[in-house]
Protein backbone atom coordinates (compact mmCIF):
# COMPACT_ATOMS: atom_id res chain seq x y z
CA MET A 1 5.38 -16.28 11.88
CA ARG A 2 3.20 -14.19 14.15
CA LEU A 3 2.80 -10.62 15.04
CA THR A 4 4.51 -9.90 18.29
CA THR A 5 3.15 -7.85 21.25
CA LYS A 6 4.84 -4.70 20.08
CA GLY A 7 2.56 -4.73 16.99
CA ARG A 8 -0.47 -5.91 18.81
CA PHE A 9 -0.07 -3.21 21.56
CA ALA A 10 0.59 -0.27 19.12
CA VAL A 11 -2.78 -1.04 17.33
CA THR A 12 -4.61 -1.64 20.49
CA ALA A 13 -3.44 1.78 22.01
CA MET A 14 -3.82 3.35 18.60
CA VAL A 15 -7.62 2.11 18.55
CA ASP A 16 -8.11 3.41 22.30
CA LEU A 17 -6.62 6.70 21.11
CA ALA A 18 -8.96 6.92 18.07
CA MET A 19 -11.98 6.28 20.24
CA ARG A 20 -11.14 8.97 22.78
CA GLN A 21 -9.52 11.88 20.78
CA ASN A 22 -12.56 13.90 19.95
CA ARG A 23 -12.57 14.69 23.82
CA GLY A 24 -8.94 16.22 23.67
CA PRO A 25 -5.51 14.65 24.07
CA VAL A 26 -5.47 11.23 25.12
CA THR A 27 -3.07 10.28 28.17
CA LEU A 28 -0.80 7.32 27.90
CA ALA A 29 -1.53 6.83 31.68
CA GLY A 30 -5.27 6.40 30.64
CA ILE A 31 -4.55 4.06 27.68
CA SER A 32 -2.24 1.95 29.90
CA GLU A 33 -4.82 1.53 32.65
CA ARG A 34 -7.67 0.66 30.17
CA GLN A 35 -5.52 -1.63 27.98
CA ARG A 36 -3.15 -3.09 30.75
CA ILE A 37 -0.38 -2.16 28.78
CA SER A 38 2.94 -0.95 30.68
CA LEU A 39 3.33 2.86 30.61
CA SER A 40 6.90 2.79 29.74
CA TYR A 41 6.24 0.41 26.85
CA LEU A 42 3.61 2.79 25.54
CA GLU A 43 6.00 5.66 25.84
CA GLN A 44 8.24 3.82 23.70
CA LEU A 45 5.65 2.87 21.24
CA PHE A 46 4.21 6.36 21.05
CA GLY A 47 7.82 7.91 20.62
CA LYS A 48 8.04 6.00 17.48
CA LEU A 49 4.34 6.79 16.31
CA ARG A 50 5.19 10.45 16.77
CA ARG A 51 8.39 10.34 14.74
CA ALA A 52 6.47 8.59 12.03
CA GLY A 53 3.81 11.39 11.89
CA ILE A 54 0.86 9.09 12.96
CA VAL A 55 0.44 10.94 16.29
CA SER A 56 1.16 14.32 17.64
CA SER A 57 1.79 15.11 21.48
CA VAL A 58 0.49 18.22 23.51
CA ARG A 59 2.62 18.93 26.66
CA GLY A 60 1.60 20.45 29.95
CA PRO A 61 -1.69 19.97 32.04
CA GLY A 62 -4.42 18.47 29.97
CA GLY A 63 -1.57 17.13 27.64
CA GLY A 64 -1.42 13.86 26.03
CA TYR A 65 -1.60 12.48 22.38
CA ASN A 66 -3.92 13.02 19.32
CA LEU A 67 -4.03 11.56 15.89
CA ALA A 68 -1.81 13.56 13.65
CA GLN A 69 -4.06 12.28 10.74
CA PRO A 70 -7.74 11.40 10.21
CA VAL A 71 -8.77 8.14 11.45
CA THR A 72 -9.71 7.01 7.80
CA LYS A 73 -6.14 7.63 6.68
CA VAL A 74 -4.25 5.61 9.35
CA THR A 75 -3.95 2.05 8.48
CA VAL A 76 -3.02 -0.87 10.70
CA ALA A 77 0.11 -1.30 8.15
CA ASP A 78 1.22 2.29 8.97
CA ILE A 79 1.02 1.58 12.77
CA ILE A 80 2.87 -1.61 12.45
CA VAL A 81 5.74 -0.25 10.22
CA ALA A 82 5.89 2.91 12.50
CA VAL A 83 6.87 0.69 15.39
CA ASP A 84 9.45 -1.28 13.53
CA GLU A 85 7.36 -4.51 13.60
CA PRO A 86 8.64 -6.97 11.10
CA LEU A 87 6.15 -8.47 9.01
CA ASP A 88 8.19 -11.31 7.25
CA ALA A 89 7.18 -15.00 7.09
CA THR A 90 10.48 -15.96 5.15
CA GLN A 91 13.21 -17.45 7.26
CA CYS A 92 15.76 -15.27 5.63
CA GLY A 93 14.19 -11.84 5.86
CA GLY A 94 13.76 -11.66 2.14
CA LYS A 95 17.56 -11.88 1.62
CA GLU A 96 17.03 -15.04 -0.38
CA ASN A 97 19.66 -16.96 1.57
CA CYS A 98 17.28 -19.47 3.21
CA LEU A 99 19.48 -22.37 2.67
CA GLY A 100 22.97 -21.09 3.33
CA ASP A 101 23.45 -18.88 0.28
CA LYS A 102 20.44 -20.23 -1.71
CA ARG A 103 16.79 -19.82 -1.89
CA CYS A 104 14.60 -22.43 -0.40
CA MET A 105 11.97 -24.17 -2.41
CA THR A 106 9.05 -22.35 -0.52
CA HIS A 107 10.72 -18.84 -0.47
CA ASP A 108 8.14 -17.43 -3.19
CA LEU A 109 5.28 -18.92 -1.22
CA TRP A 110 6.28 -17.00 2.14
CA GLU A 111 7.18 -13.93 0.16
CA ARG A 112 3.64 -13.86 -1.30
CA LEU A 113 2.18 -14.24 2.10
CA ASN A 114 4.03 -11.36 3.18
CA GLU A 115 2.38 -9.38 0.45
CA LYS A 116 -1.10 -10.59 1.24
CA MET A 117 -0.60 -9.78 4.94
CA PHE A 118 0.65 -6.23 4.18
CA GLU A 119 -2.26 -5.71 1.73
CA TYR A 120 -4.73 -6.65 4.17
CA LEU A 121 -3.39 -4.65 6.99
CA ALA A 122 -3.21 -1.63 4.67
CA SER A 123 -6.79 -2.06 3.77
CA VAL A 124 -8.04 -1.82 7.38
CA THR A 125 -8.11 1.75 8.97
CA LEU A 126 -8.43 2.90 12.50
CA ALA A 127 -11.94 4.21 11.38
CA ASP A 128 -12.71 0.50 10.53
CA LEU A 129 -11.46 -0.86 14.04
CA VAL A 130 -13.36 2.01 15.87
CA ALA A 131 -16.64 1.31 13.87
CA HIS A 132 -16.03 -2.28 14.79
CA GLN A 133 -15.58 -1.69 18.54
CA HIS A 134 -18.97 0.30 18.37
CA GLY A 135 -20.59 -2.86 16.97
CA LYS A 136 -21.12 -1.60 13.41
CA PRO A 137 -20.48 -4.16 10.52
CA VAL A 138 -17.04 -3.41 8.79
CA ALA A 139 -17.04 -4.91 5.53
CA VAL A 140 -13.08 -5.45 5.29
CA LEU A 141 -13.24 -7.28 8.83
CA GLN A 142 -16.42 -9.20 7.97
CA SER A 143 -15.15 -10.51 4.67
CA TRP A 144 -12.28 -11.87 6.50
CA ARG A 145 -14.29 -13.63 9.15
CA ASP A 146 -16.62 -15.04 6.45
CA ALA A 147 -13.72 -16.62 4.60
CA ASP A 148 -12.56 -18.09 7.74
CA GLN A 149 -15.72 -20.09 8.09
CA PRO A 150 -15.78 -23.62 6.91
CA ALA A 151 -17.27 -24.02 3.55
CA ALA A 152 -20.20 -26.52 3.18
CA LYS A 153 -18.93 -29.90 1.76
CA PRO A 154 -19.91 -30.32 -1.71
CA ALA A 155 -22.33 -33.39 -2.52
CA ILE A 156 -20.53 -36.24 -3.90
CA ALA A 157 -22.33 -38.06 -6.67
CA VAL A 158 -21.94 -41.76 -6.70
CA ALA A 159 -22.58 -43.45 -10.12
CA ALA A 160 -24.75 -46.65 -9.76
């Protein structure tokens, strides 16, 4: 199970937009050039983001996209859901028919992983990601990294 390029590109493009929106509407051509994401692909993604109410578009000269909500309110989960990115570790898409018409033995494990992934992604905002890009420590990202570090091995007492 992994996040596809659709979700990764959408989040990357939204961070780019959030970092630049205070200067006015941000063009997809600019995001495309900076992030090396196909312009036509960005147009598809931003159409979905606009329909979800996450971004708004400005037409005409000097036009582009703005966030439709504050950076502190838009989460990574919001972005991924808006572009129809499935976050599902189960083989059955949650239908509980992993083994033909029956649940597999590990269905609950994968379903719980889905919940944890969504909880984490819903806890990370665009504001967090922008701050991280500016080199500021971000608690939700830092705590995740710290948990990824190998723990010191406990000392083993040997009885004589």
